[in-house]
Amino acid sequence: RLFRFRTTRPSSFRFRSGEFVMIGLMIDGKPLYRAYSIASPA
């Protein structure tokens, strides 16, 4: 039921520790997003 993943961080991306961001995939040719808290610190 649970997994963790890490990704690259664009140099232009800034956030405050504790914030969330919309992430997603292309599903049937359309983007689908959900809100995910960023688990790494700023």
PDB file of all heavy atoms in Angstrom:
ATOM      1  N   ARG A   1       0.793  -1.228   0.000  1.00  0.00           N
ATOM      2  CA  ARG A   1       0.000   0.000   0.000  1.00  0.00           C
ATOM      3  C   ARG A   1       0.828   1.282   0.000  1.00  0.00           C
ATOM      4  O   ARG A   1       0.298   2.362  -0.236  1.00  0.00           O
ATOM      5  CB  ARG A   1      -0.927   0.028   1.231  1.00  0.00           C
ATOM      6  CG  ARG A   1      -1.983  -1.054   1.272  1.00  0.00           C
ATOM      7  CD  ARG A   1      -2.892  -0.891   2.481  1.00  0.00           C
ATOM      8  NE  ARG A   1      -3.665   0.350   2.392  1.00  0.00           N
ATOM      9  CZ  ARG A   1      -3.464   1.400   3.173  1.00  0.00           C
ATOM     10  NH1 ARG A   1      -2.513   1.383   4.094  1.00  0.00           N
ATOM     11  NH2 ARG A   1      -4.217   2.483   3.038  1.00  0.00           N
ATOM     12  N   LEU A   2       2.137   1.183   0.274  1.00  0.00           N
ATOM     13  CA  LEU A   2       2.947   2.380   0.470  1.00  0.00           C
ATOM     14  C   LEU A   2       4.277   2.311  -0.276  1.00  0.00           C
ATOM     15  O   LEU A   2       4.933   1.266  -0.283  1.00  0.00           O
ATOM     16  CB  LEU A   2       3.235   2.582   1.963  1.00  0.00           C
ATOM     17  CG  LEU A   2       2.034   2.790   2.885  1.00  0.00           C
ATOM     18  CD1 LEU A   2       2.484   2.722   4.342  1.00  0.00           C
ATOM     19  CD2 LEU A   2       1.361   4.127   2.595  1.00  0.00           C
ATOM     20  N   PHE A   3       4.671   3.417  -0.875  1.00  0.00           N
ATOM     21  CA  PHE A   3       5.993   3.492  -1.494  1.00  0.00           C
ATOM     22  C   PHE A   3       6.509   4.926  -1.470  1.00  0.00           C
ATOM     23  O   PHE A   3       5.749   5.880  -1.350  1.00  0.00           O
ATOM     24  CB  PHE A   3       5.976   2.943  -2.923  1.00  0.00           C
ATOM     25  CG  PHE A   3       5.278   3.811  -3.942  1.00  0.00           C
ATOM     26  CD1 PHE A   3       6.003   4.498  -4.916  1.00  0.00           C
ATOM     27  CD2 PHE A   3       3.892   3.929  -3.954  1.00  0.00           C
ATOM     28  CE1 PHE A   3       5.370   5.282  -5.867  1.00  0.00           C
ATOM     29  CE2 PHE A   3       3.245   4.714  -4.902  1.00  0.00           C
ATOM     30  CZ  PHE A   3       3.978   5.391  -5.861  1.00  0.00           C
ATOM     31  N   ARG A   4       7.816   5.030  -1.557  1.00  0.00           N
ATOM     32  CA  ARG A   4       8.493   6.324  -1.593  1.00  0.00           C
ATOM     33  C   ARG A   4       9.236   6.448  -2.913  1.00  0.00           C
ATOM     34  O   ARG A   4       9.749   5.467  -3.445  1.00  0.00           O
ATOM     35  CB  ARG A   4       9.513   6.416  -0.453  1.00  0.00           C
ATOM     36  CG  ARG A   4      10.319   7.716  -0.435  1.00  0.00           C
ATOM     37  CD  ARG A   4      11.580   7.570   0.401  1.00  0.00           C
ATOM     38  NE  ARG A   4      12.555   6.719  -0.267  1.00  0.00           N
ATOM     39  CZ  ARG A   4      13.686   6.304   0.281  1.00  0.00           C
ATOM     40  NH1 ARG A   4      13.968   6.613   1.539  1.00  0.00           N
ATOM     41  NH2 ARG A   4      14.526   5.547  -0.396  1.00  0.00           N
ATOM     42  N   PHE A   5       9.289   7.673  -3.449  1.00  0.00           N
ATOM     43  CA  PHE A   5      10.130   7.881  -4.630  1.00  0.00           C
ATOM     44  C   PHE A   5      10.793   9.241  -4.558  1.00  0.00           C
ATOM     45  O   PHE A   5      10.298  10.167  -3.916  1.00  0.00           O
ATOM     46  CB  PHE A   5       9.325   7.726  -5.930  1.00  0.00           C
ATOM     47  CG  PHE A   5       8.150   8.656  -6.079  1.00  0.00           C
ATOM     48  CD1 PHE A   5       8.242   9.833  -6.819  1.00  0.00           C
ATOM     49  CD2 PHE A   5       6.916   8.348  -5.500  1.00  0.00           C
ATOM     50  CE1 PHE A   5       7.152  10.676  -6.968  1.00  0.00           C
ATOM     51  CE2 PHE A   5       5.818   9.184  -5.646  1.00  0.00           C
ATOM     52  CZ  PHE A   5       5.939  10.352  -6.389  1.00  0.00           C
ATOM     53  N   ARG A   6      11.947   9.323  -5.181  1.00  0.00           N
ATOM     54  CA  ARG A   6      12.700  10.565  -5.261  1.00  0.00           C
ATOM     55  C   ARG A   6      12.891  10.951  -6.719  1.00  0.00           C
ATOM     56  O   ARG A   6      12.952  10.082  -7.593  1.00  0.00           O
ATOM     57  CB  ARG A   6      14.052  10.420  -4.563  1.00  0.00           C
ATOM     58  CG  ARG A   6      13.929  10.263  -3.049  1.00  0.00           C
ATOM     59  CD  ARG A   6      15.259  10.051  -2.385  1.00  0.00           C
ATOM     60  NE  ARG A   6      15.115   9.970  -0.926  1.00  0.00           N
ATOM     61  CZ  ARG A   6      15.997   9.403  -0.120  1.00  0.00           C
ATOM     62  NH1 ARG A   6      17.096   8.874  -0.624  1.00  0.00           N
ATOM     63  NH2 ARG A   6      15.802   9.391   1.178  1.00  0.00           N
ATOM     64  N   THR A   7      12.993  12.262  -6.937  1.00  0.00           N
ATOM     65  CA  THR A   7      13.143  12.766  -8.296  1.00  0.00           C
ATOM     66  C   THR A   7      14.211  13.856  -8.334  1.00  0.00           C
ATOM     67  O   THR A   7      14.633  14.379  -7.297  1.00  0.00           O
ATOM     68  CB  THR A   7      11.828  13.376  -8.838  1.00  0.00           C
ATOM     69  OG1 THR A   7      11.599  14.650  -8.194  1.00  0.00           O
ATOM     70  CG2 THR A   7      10.647  12.460  -8.586  1.00  0.00           C
ATOM     71  N   THR A   8      14.609  14.206  -9.539  1.00  0.00           N
ATOM     72  CA  THR A   8      15.473  15.355  -9.713  1.00  0.00           C
ATOM     73  C   THR A   8      14.724  16.607  -9.276  1.00  0.00           C
ATOM     74  O   THR A   8      13.492  16.623  -9.214  1.00  0.00           O
ATOM     75  CB  THR A   8      15.888  15.504 -11.183  1.00  0.00           C
ATOM     76  OG1 THR A   8      14.691  15.581 -11.990  1.00  0.00           O
ATOM     77  CG2 THR A   8      16.707  14.304 -11.646  1.00  0.00           C
ATOM     78  N   ARG A   9      15.466  17.653  -8.985  1.00  0.00           N
ATOM     79  CA  ARG A   9      14.864  18.924  -8.603  1.00  0.00           C
ATOM     80  C   ARG A   9      15.323  20.014  -9.568  1.00  0.00           C
ATOM     81  O   ARG A   9      16.525  20.320  -9.630  1.00  0.00           O
ATOM     82  CB  ARG A   9      15.262  19.304  -7.177  1.00  0.00           C
ATOM     83  CG  ARG A   9      14.740  20.679  -6.757  1.00  0.00           C
ATOM     84  CD  ARG A   9      15.094  21.009  -5.322  1.00  0.00           C
ATOM     85  NE  ARG A   9      14.630  22.338  -4.959  1.00  0.00           N
ATOM     86  CZ  ARG A   9      14.712  22.862  -3.730  1.00  0.00           C
ATOM     87  NH1 ARG A   9      15.250  22.144  -2.756  1.00  0.00           N
ATOM     88  NH2 ARG A   9      14.270  24.083  -3.493  1.00  0.00           N
ATOM     89  N   PRO A  10      14.404  20.572 -10.340  1.00  0.00           N
ATOM     90  CA  PRO A  10      14.782  21.652 -11.255  1.00  0.00           C
ATOM     91  C   PRO A  10      15.411  22.807 -10.481  1.00  0.00           C
ATOM     92  O   PRO A  10      14.978  23.140  -9.370  1.00  0.00           O
ATOM     93  CB  PRO A  10      13.450  22.074 -11.882  1.00  0.00           C
ATOM     94  CG  PRO A  10      12.557  20.877 -11.731  1.00  0.00           C
ATOM     95  CD  PRO A  10      12.964  20.241 -10.442  1.00  0.00           C
ATOM     96  N   SER A  11      16.433  23.394 -11.044  1.00  0.00           N
ATOM     97  CA  SER A  11      17.145  24.468 -10.349  1.00  0.00           C
ATOM     98  C   SER A  11      16.246  25.666 -10.056  1.00  0.00           C
ATOM     99  O   SER A  11      16.494  26.422  -9.117  1.00  0.00           O
ATOM    100  CB  SER A  11      18.347  24.915 -11.181  1.00  0.00           C
ATOM    101  OG  SER A  11      17.919  25.366 -12.461  1.00  0.00           O
ATOM    102  N   SER A  12      15.180  25.811 -10.834  1.00  0.00           N
ATOM    103  CA  SER A  12      14.283  26.957 -10.660  1.00  0.00           C
ATOM    104  C   SER A  12      13.193  26.713  -9.620  1.00  0.00           C
ATOM    105  O   SER A  12      12.458  27.643  -9.255  1.00  0.00           O
ATOM    106  CB  SER A  12      13.609  27.307 -11.994  1.00  0.00           C
ATOM    107  OG  SER A  12      12.824  26.208 -12.449  1.00  0.00           O
ATOM    108  N   PHE A  13      13.077  25.479  -9.134  1.00  0.00           N
ATOM    109  CA  PHE A  13      11.961  25.135  -8.243  1.00  0.00           C
ATOM    110  C   PHE A  13      12.295  25.469  -6.792  1.00  0.00           C
ATOM    111  O   PHE A  13      13.242  24.941  -6.217  1.00  0.00           O
ATOM    112  CB  PHE A  13      11.619  23.646  -8.370  1.00  0.00           C
ATOM    113  CG  PHE A  13      10.416  23.230  -7.566  1.00  0.00           C
ATOM    114  CD1 PHE A  13       9.141  23.654  -7.921  1.00  0.00           C
ATOM    115  CD2 PHE A  13      10.556  22.424  -6.446  1.00  0.00           C
ATOM    116  CE1 PHE A  13       8.031  23.275  -7.180  1.00  0.00           C
ATOM    117  CE2 PHE A  13       9.458  22.038  -5.706  1.00  0.00           C
ATOM    118  CZ  PHE A  13       8.190  22.474  -6.072  1.00  0.00           C
ATOM    119  N   ARG A  14      11.498  26.336  -6.186  1.00  0.00           N
ATOM    120  CA  ARG A  14      11.670  26.730  -4.796  1.00  0.00           C
ATOM    121  C   ARG A  14      10.408  26.395  -4.007  1.00  0.00           C
ATOM    122  O   ARG A  14       9.298  26.548  -4.513  1.00  0.00           O
ATOM    123  CB  ARG A  14      11.930  28.244  -4.704  1.00  0.00           C
ATOM    124  CG  ARG A  14      13.202  28.687  -5.401  1.00  0.00           C
ATOM    125  CD  ARG A  14      14.438  28.285  -4.611  1.00  0.00           C
ATOM    126  NE  ARG A  14      15.650  28.780  -5.236  1.00  0.00           N
ATOM    127  CZ  ARG A  14      16.358  28.106  -6.146  1.00  0.00           C
ATOM    128  NH1 ARG A  14      15.928  26.907  -6.537  1.00  0.00           N
ATOM    129  NH2 ARG A  14      17.464  28.614  -6.649  1.00  0.00           N
ATOM    130  N   PHE A  15      10.581  25.973  -2.759  1.00  0.00           N
ATOM    131  CA  PHE A  15       9.429  25.688  -1.903  1.00  0.00           C
ATOM    132  C   PHE A  15       9.841  25.847  -0.449  1.00  0.00           C
ATOM    133  O   PHE A  15      11.030  25.868  -0.117  1.00  0.00           O
ATOM    134  CB  PHE A  15       8.888  24.284  -2.157  1.00  0.00           C
ATOM    135  CG  PHE A  15       9.810  23.163  -1.705  1.00  0.00           C
ATOM    136  CD1 PHE A  15       9.633  22.543  -0.467  1.00  0.00           C
ATOM    137  CD2 PHE A  15      10.859  22.733  -2.507  1.00  0.00           C
ATOM    138  CE1 PHE A  15      10.476  21.518  -0.054  1.00  0.00           C
ATOM    139  CE2 PHE A  15      11.710  21.711  -2.096  1.00  0.00           C
ATOM    140  CZ  PHE A  15      11.520  21.099  -0.865  1.00  0.00           C
ATOM    141  N   ARG A  16       8.844  25.969   0.411  1.00  0.00           N
ATOM    142  CA  ARG A  16       9.069  25.991   1.852  1.00  0.00           C
ATOM    143  C   ARG A  16       8.836  24.587   2.402  1.00  0.00           C
ATOM    144  O   ARG A  16       7.899  23.904   1.988  1.00  0.00           O
ATOM    145  CB  ARG A  16       8.120  26.982   2.531  1.00  0.00           C
ATOM    146  CG  ARG A  16       8.363  28.432   2.181  1.00  0.00           C
ATOM    147  CD  ARG A  16       7.359  29.350   2.877  1.00  0.00           C
ATOM    148  NE  ARG A  16       5.989  29.110   2.433  1.00  0.00           N
ATOM    149  CZ  ARG A  16       4.927  29.657   3.005  1.00  0.00           C
ATOM    150  NH1 ARG A  16       5.068  30.457   4.056  1.00  0.00           N
ATOM    151  NH2 ARG A  16       3.711  29.414   2.547  1.00  0.00           N
ATOM    152  N   SER A  17       9.663  24.173   3.329  1.00  0.00           N
ATOM    153  CA  SER A  17       9.490  22.856   3.944  1.00  0.00           C
ATOM    154  C   SER A  17       8.071  22.728   4.477  1.00  0.00           C
ATOM    155  O   SER A  17       7.569  23.615   5.163  1.00  0.00           O
ATOM    156  CB  SER A  17      10.501  22.674   5.076  1.00  0.00           C
ATOM    157  OG  SER A  17      11.823  22.669   4.576  1.00  0.00           O
ATOM    158  N   GLY A  18       7.408  21.602   4.130  1.00  0.00           N
ATOM    159  CA  GLY A  18       6.038  21.347   4.554  1.00  0.00           C
ATOM    160  C   GLY A  18       4.990  21.597   3.482  1.00  0.00           C
ATOM    161  O   GLY A  18       3.828  21.217   3.651  1.00  0.00           O
ATOM    162  N   GLU A  19       5.384  22.228   2.359  1.00  0.00           N
ATOM    163  CA  GLU A  19       4.414  22.525   1.302  1.00  0.00           C
ATOM    164  C   GLU A  19       4.150  21.301   0.422  1.00  0.00           C
ATOM    165  O   GLU A  19       4.886  20.315   0.452  1.00  0.00           O
ATOM    166  CB  GLU A  19       4.922  23.681   0.435  1.00  0.00           C
ATOM    167  CG  GLU A  19       4.886  25.019   1.137  1.00  0.00           C
ATOM    168  CD  GLU A  19       5.192  26.187   0.208  1.00  0.00           C
ATOM    169  OE1 GLU A  19       6.154  26.083  -0.591  1.00  0.00           O
ATOM    170  OE2 GLU A  19       4.478  27.189   0.273  1.00  0.00           O
ATOM    171  N   PHE A  20       3.078  21.379  -0.370  1.00  0.00           N
ATOM    172  CA  PHE A  20       2.783  20.329  -1.349  1.00  0.00           C
ATOM    173  C   PHE A  20       2.809  20.912  -2.751  1.00  0.00           C
ATOM    174  O   PHE A  20       2.816  22.129  -2.949  1.00  0.00           O
ATOM    175  CB  PHE A  20       1.442  19.644  -1.056  1.00  0.00           C
ATOM    176  CG  PHE A  20       0.227  20.512  -1.270  1.00  0.00           C
ATOM    177  CD1 PHE A  20      -0.362  20.630  -2.518  1.00  0.00           C
ATOM    178  CD2 PHE A  20      -0.364  21.187  -0.201  1.00  0.00           C
ATOM    179  CE1 PHE A  20      -1.502  21.406  -2.722  1.00  0.00           C
ATOM    180  CE2 PHE A  20      -1.496  21.973  -0.381  1.00  0.00           C
ATOM    181  CZ  PHE A  20      -2.062  22.085  -1.650  1.00  0.00           C
ATOM    182  N   VAL A  21       2.842  20.013  -3.723  1.00  0.00           N
ATOM    183  CA  VAL A  21       2.883  20.426  -5.119  1.00  0.00           C
ATOM    184  C   VAL A  21       2.026  19.447  -5.919  1.00  0.00           C
ATOM    185  O   VAL A  21       1.805  18.306  -5.491  1.00  0.00           O
ATOM    186  CB  VAL A  21       4.342  20.446  -5.635  1.00  0.00           C
ATOM    187  CG1 VAL A  21       4.907  19.027  -5.744  1.00  0.00           C
ATOM    188  CG2 VAL A  21       4.456  21.164  -6.975  1.00  0.00           C
ATOM    189  N   MET A  22       1.517  19.896  -7.049  1.00  0.00           N
ATOM    190  CA  MET A  22       0.738  19.009  -7.914  1.00  0.00           C
ATOM    191  C   MET A  22       1.685  18.228  -8.814  1.00  0.00           C
ATOM    192  O   MET A  22       2.476  18.827  -9.565  1.00  0.00           O
ATOM    193  CB  MET A  22      -0.239  19.823  -8.759  1.00  0.00           C
ATOM    194  CG  MET A  22      -1.192  20.709  -7.964  1.00  0.00           C
ATOM    195  SD  MET A  22      -2.268  19.812  -6.843  1.00  0.00           S
ATOM    196  CE  MET A  22      -3.334  18.950  -8.032  1.00  0.00           C
ATOM    197  N   ILE A  23       1.643  16.905  -8.736  1.00  0.00           N
ATOM    198  CA  ILE A  23       2.440  16.078  -9.630  1.00  0.00           C
ATOM    199  C   ILE A  23       1.516  15.120 -10.372  1.00  0.00           C
ATOM    200  O   ILE A  23       0.388  14.868  -9.936  1.00  0.00           O
ATOM    201  CB  ILE A  23       3.538  15.294  -8.889  1.00  0.00           C
ATOM    202  CG1 ILE A  23       2.930  14.249  -7.942  1.00  0.00           C
ATOM    203  CG2 ILE A  23       4.466  16.242  -8.142  1.00  0.00           C
ATOM    204  CD1 ILE A  23       3.978  13.340  -7.332  1.00  0.00           C
ATOM    205  N   GLY A  24       1.981  14.605 -11.503  1.00  0.00           N
ATOM    206  CA  GLY A  24       1.103  13.742 -12.288  1.00  0.00           C
ATOM    207  C   GLY A  24       1.787  13.039 -13.441  1.00  0.00           C
ATOM    208  O   GLY A  24       3.009  13.077 -13.592  1.00  0.00           O
ATOM    209  N   LEU A  25       0.963  12.399 -14.245  1.00  0.00           N
ATOM    210  CA  LEU A  25       1.400  11.671 -15.437  1.00  0.00           C
ATOM    211  C   LEU A  25       0.457  12.006 -16.582  1.00  0.00           C
ATOM    212  O   LEU A  25      -0.650  12.512 -16.373  1.00  0.00           O
ATOM    213  CB  LEU A  25       1.373  10.162 -15.179  1.00  0.00           C
ATOM    214  CG  LEU A  25       2.282   9.605 -14.079  1.00  0.00           C
ATOM    215  CD1 LEU A  25       1.943   8.133 -13.837  1.00  0.00           C
ATOM    216  CD2 LEU A  25       3.758   9.760 -14.457  1.00  0.00           C
ATOM    217  N   MET A  26       0.900  11.698 -17.788  1.00  0.00           N
ATOM    218  CA  MET A  26       0.011  11.782 -18.933  1.00  0.00           C
ATOM    219  C   MET A  26      -0.804  10.491 -18.992  1.00  0.00           C
ATOM    220  O   MET A  26      -0.244   9.401 -19.108  1.00  0.00           O
ATOM    221  CB  MET A  26       0.820  11.964 -20.214  1.00  0.00           C
ATOM    222  CG  MET A  26       1.588  13.269 -20.298  1.00  0.00           C
ATOM    223  SD  MET A  26       0.527  14.736 -20.397  1.00  0.00           S
ATOM    224  CE  MET A  26      -0.140  14.550 -22.055  1.00  0.00           C
ATOM    225  N   ILE A  27      -2.112  10.605 -18.876  1.00  0.00           N
ATOM    226  CA  ILE A  27      -3.004   9.449 -18.901  1.00  0.00           C
ATOM    227  C   ILE A  27      -3.910   9.569 -20.118  1.00  0.00           C
ATOM    228  O   ILE A  27      -4.702  10.511 -20.221  1.00  0.00           O
ATOM    229  CB  ILE A  27      -3.858   9.371 -17.621  1.00  0.00           C
ATOM    230  CG1 ILE A  27      -2.972   9.453 -16.368  1.00  0.00           C
ATOM    231  CG2 ILE A  27      -4.705   8.112 -17.622  1.00  0.00           C
ATOM    232  CD1 ILE A  27      -2.020   8.308 -16.199  1.00  0.00           C
ATOM    233  N   ASP A  28      -3.770   8.648 -21.050  1.00  0.00           N
ATOM    234  CA  ASP A  28      -4.562   8.684 -22.285  1.00  0.00           C
ATOM    235  C   ASP A  28      -4.428  10.029 -22.997  1.00  0.00           C
ATOM    236  O   ASP A  28      -5.412  10.609 -23.477  1.00  0.00           O
ATOM    237  CB  ASP A  28      -6.037   8.372 -22.004  1.00  0.00           C
ATOM    238  CG  ASP A  28      -6.239   6.970 -21.450  1.00  0.00           C
ATOM    239  OD1 ASP A  28      -5.456   6.072 -21.836  1.00  0.00           O
ATOM    240  OD2 ASP A  28      -7.150   6.769 -20.634  1.00  0.00           O
ATOM    241  N   GLY A  29      -3.209  10.530 -23.010  1.00  0.00           N
ATOM    242  CA  GLY A  29      -2.933  11.762 -23.741  1.00  0.00           C
ATOM    243  C   GLY A  29      -3.256  13.043 -23.005  1.00  0.00           C
ATOM    244  O   GLY A  29      -3.081  14.137 -23.550  1.00  0.00           O
ATOM    245  N   LYS A  30      -3.716  12.925 -21.739  1.00  0.00           N
ATOM    246  CA  LYS A  30      -4.060  14.118 -20.967  1.00  0.00           C
ATOM    247  C   LYS A  30      -3.336  14.080 -19.618  1.00  0.00           C
ATOM    248  O   LYS A  30      -3.176  13.006 -19.030  1.00  0.00           O
ATOM    249  CB  LYS A  30      -5.576  14.186 -20.725  1.00  0.00           C
ATOM    250  CG  LYS A  30      -6.392  14.314 -21.998  1.00  0.00           C
ATOM    251  CD  LYS A  30      -7.874  14.357 -21.665  1.00  0.00           C
ATOM    252  CE  LYS A  30      -8.719  14.470 -22.938  1.00  0.00           C
ATOM    253  NZ  LYS A  30     -10.175  14.498 -22.625  1.00  0.00           N
ATOM    254  N   PRO A  31      -2.932  15.242 -19.116  1.00  0.00           N
ATOM    255  CA  PRO A  31      -2.251  15.263 -17.822  1.00  0.00           C
ATOM    256  C   PRO A  31      -3.239  15.061 -16.673  1.00  0.00           C
ATOM    257  O   PRO A  31      -4.316  15.632 -16.665  1.00  0.00           O
ATOM    258  CB  PRO A  31      -1.634  16.662 -17.777  1.00  0.00           C
ATOM    259  CG  PRO A  31      -2.524  17.497 -18.648  1.00  0.00           C
ATOM    260  CD  PRO A  31      -3.010  16.578 -19.738  1.00  0.00           C
ATOM    261  N   LEU A  32      -2.865  14.216 -15.724  1.00  0.00           N
ATOM    262  CA  LEU A  32      -3.669  13.996 -14.529  1.00  0.00           C
ATOM    263  C   LEU A  32      -2.798  14.283 -13.317  1.00  0.00           C
ATOM    264  O   LEU A  32      -1.736  13.683 -13.148  1.00  0.00           O
ATOM    265  CB  LEU A  32      -4.181  12.554 -14.465  1.00  0.00           C
ATOM    266  CG  LEU A  32      -5.011  12.198 -13.226  1.00  0.00           C
ATOM    267  CD1 LEU A  32      -6.302  13.001 -13.180  1.00  0.00           C
ATOM    268  CD2 LEU A  32      -5.314  10.701 -13.176  1.00  0.00           C
ATOM    269  N   TYR A  33      -3.232  15.212 -12.470  1.00  0.00           N
ATOM    270  CA  TYR A  33      -2.444  15.652 -11.325  1.00  0.00           C
ATOM    271  C   TYR A  33      -3.143  15.323 -10.012  1.00  0.00           C
ATOM    272  O   TYR A  33      -4.362  15.273  -9.935  1.00  0.00           O
ATOM    273  CB  TYR A  33      -2.225  17.171 -11.369  1.00  0.00           C
ATOM    274  CG  TYR A  33      -1.451  17.688 -12.551  1.00  0.00           C
ATOM    275  CD1 TYR A  33      -2.123  18.153 -13.685  1.00  0.00           C
ATOM    276  CD2 TYR A  33      -0.064  17.743 -12.533  1.00  0.00           C
ATOM    277  CE1 TYR A  33      -1.422  18.654 -14.769  1.00  0.00           C
ATOM    278  CE2 TYR A  33       0.652  18.246 -13.612  1.00  0.00           C
ATOM    279  CZ  TYR A  33      -0.036  18.699 -14.731  1.00  0.00           C
ATOM    280  OH  TYR A  33       0.654  19.193 -15.803  1.00  0.00           O
ATOM    281  N   ARG A  34      -2.336  15.144  -8.978  1.00  0.00           N
ATOM    282  CA  ARG A  34      -2.822  15.061  -7.615  1.00  0.00           C
ATOM    283  C   ARG A  34      -1.846  15.824  -6.720  1.00  0.00           C
ATOM    284  O   ARG A  34      -0.687  15.992  -7.048  1.00  0.00           O
ATOM    285  CB  ARG A  34      -2.920  13.594  -7.138  1.00  0.00           C
ATOM    286  CG  ARG A  34      -4.008  12.783  -7.824  1.00  0.00           C
ATOM    287  CD  ARG A  34      -5.393  13.231  -7.418  1.00  0.00           C
ATOM    288  NE  ARG A  34      -6.442  12.378  -7.958  1.00  0.00           N
ATOM    289  CZ  ARG A  34      -7.049  12.567  -9.127  1.00  0.00           C
ATOM    290  NH1 ARG A  34      -6.687  13.597  -9.898  1.00  0.00           N
ATOM    291  NH2 ARG A  34      -7.992  11.745  -9.533  1.00  0.00           N
ATOM    292  N   ALA A  35      -2.337  16.272  -5.573  1.00  0.00           N
ATOM    293  CA  ALA A  35      -1.506  17.007  -4.628  1.00  0.00           C
ATOM    294  C   ALA A  35      -0.662  16.039  -3.810  1.00  0.00           C
ATOM    295  O   ALA A  35      -1.179  15.084  -3.240  1.00  0.00           O
ATOM    296  CB  ALA A  35      -2.383  17.843  -3.702  1.00  0.00           C
ATOM    297  N   TYR A  36       0.633  16.309  -3.769  1.00  0.00           N
ATOM    298  CA  TYR A  36       1.560  15.502  -2.983  1.00  0.00           C
ATOM    299  C   TYR A  36       2.415  16.406  -2.114  1.00  0.00           C
ATOM    300  O   TYR A  36       3.050  17.345  -2.612  1.00  0.00           O
ATOM    301  CB  TYR A  36       2.492  14.687  -3.894  1.00  0.00           C
ATOM    302  CG  TYR A  36       1.965  13.331  -4.272  1.00  0.00           C
ATOM    303  CD1 TYR A  36       1.016  13.185  -5.278  1.00  0.00           C
ATOM    304  CD2 TYR A  36       2.417  12.185  -3.626  1.00  0.00           C
ATOM    305  CE1 TYR A  36       0.535  11.935  -5.631  1.00  0.00           C
ATOM    306  CE2 TYR A  36       1.936  10.934  -3.970  1.00  0.00           C
ATOM    307  CZ  TYR A  36       0.992  10.817  -4.966  1.00  0.00           C
ATOM    308  OH  TYR A  36       0.511   9.581  -5.307  1.00  0.00           O
ATOM    309  N   SER A  37       2.463  16.129  -0.825  1.00  0.00           N
ATOM    310  CA  SER A  37       3.377  16.848   0.040  1.00  0.00           C
ATOM    311  C   SER A  37       4.814  16.500  -0.339  1.00  0.00           C
ATOM    312  O   SER A  37       5.131  15.344  -0.658  1.00  0.00           O
ATOM    313  CB  SER A  37       3.143  16.473   1.505  1.00  0.00           C
ATOM    314  OG  SER A  37       1.905  16.970   1.955  1.00  0.00           O
ATOM    315  N   ILE A  38       5.670  17.499  -0.310  1.00  0.00           N
ATOM    316  CA  ILE A  38       7.086  17.276  -0.588  1.00  0.00           C
ATOM    317  C   ILE A  38       7.738  16.821   0.713  1.00  0.00           C
ATOM    318  O   ILE A  38       7.737  17.549   1.708  1.00  0.00           O
ATOM    319  CB  ILE A  38       7.750  18.560  -1.108  1.00  0.00           C
ATOM    320  CG1 ILE A  38       7.000  19.080  -2.342  1.00  0.00           C
ATOM    321  CG2 ILE A  38       9.222  18.302  -1.434  1.00  0.00           C
ATOM    322  CD1 ILE A  38       7.416  20.484  -2.768  1.00  0.00           C
ATOM    323  N   ALA A  39       8.273  15.614   0.727  1.00  0.00           N
ATOM    324  CA  ALA A  39       8.824  15.038   1.950  1.00  0.00           C
ATOM    325  C   ALA A  39      10.275  15.438   2.198  1.00  0.00           C
ATOM    326  O   ALA A  39      10.791  15.227   3.300  1.00  0.00           O
ATOM    327  CB  ALA A  39       8.709  13.514   1.905  1.00  0.00           C
ATOM    328  N   SER A  40      10.923  16.005   1.208  1.00  0.00           N
ATOM    329  CA  SER A  40      12.295  16.472   1.391  1.00  0.00           C
ATOM    330  C   SER A  40      12.268  17.902   1.901  1.00  0.00           C
ATOM    331  O   SER A  40      11.316  18.646   1.648  1.00  0.00           O
ATOM    332  CB  SER A  40      13.072  16.386   0.073  1.00  0.00           C
ATOM    333  OG  SER A  40      12.304  16.896  -0.995  1.00  0.00           O
ATOM    334  N   PRO A  41      13.308  18.324   2.625  1.00  0.00           N
ATOM    335  CA  PRO A  41      13.361  19.698   3.121  1.00  0.00           C
ATOM    336  C   PRO A  41      13.705  20.687   2.012  1.00  0.00           C
ATOM    337  O   PRO A  41      14.183  20.291   0.939  1.00  0.00           O
ATOM    338  CB  PRO A  41      14.464  19.654   4.174  1.00  0.00           C
ATOM    339  CG  PRO A  41      15.364  18.539   3.713  1.00  0.00           C
ATOM    340  CD  PRO A  41      14.448  17.523   3.091  1.00  0.00           C
ATOM    341  N   ALA A  42      13.488  21.961   2.288  1.00  0.00           N
ATOM    342  CA  ALA A  42      13.659  22.994   1.266  1.00  0.00           C
ATOM    343  C   ALA A  42      15.081  23.072   0.720  1.00  0.00           C
ATOM    344  O   ALA A  42      15.294  23.521  -0.405  1.00  0.00           O
ATOM    345  CB  ALA A  42      13.249  24.348   1.835  1.00  0.00           C
TER     346      ALA A  42
END
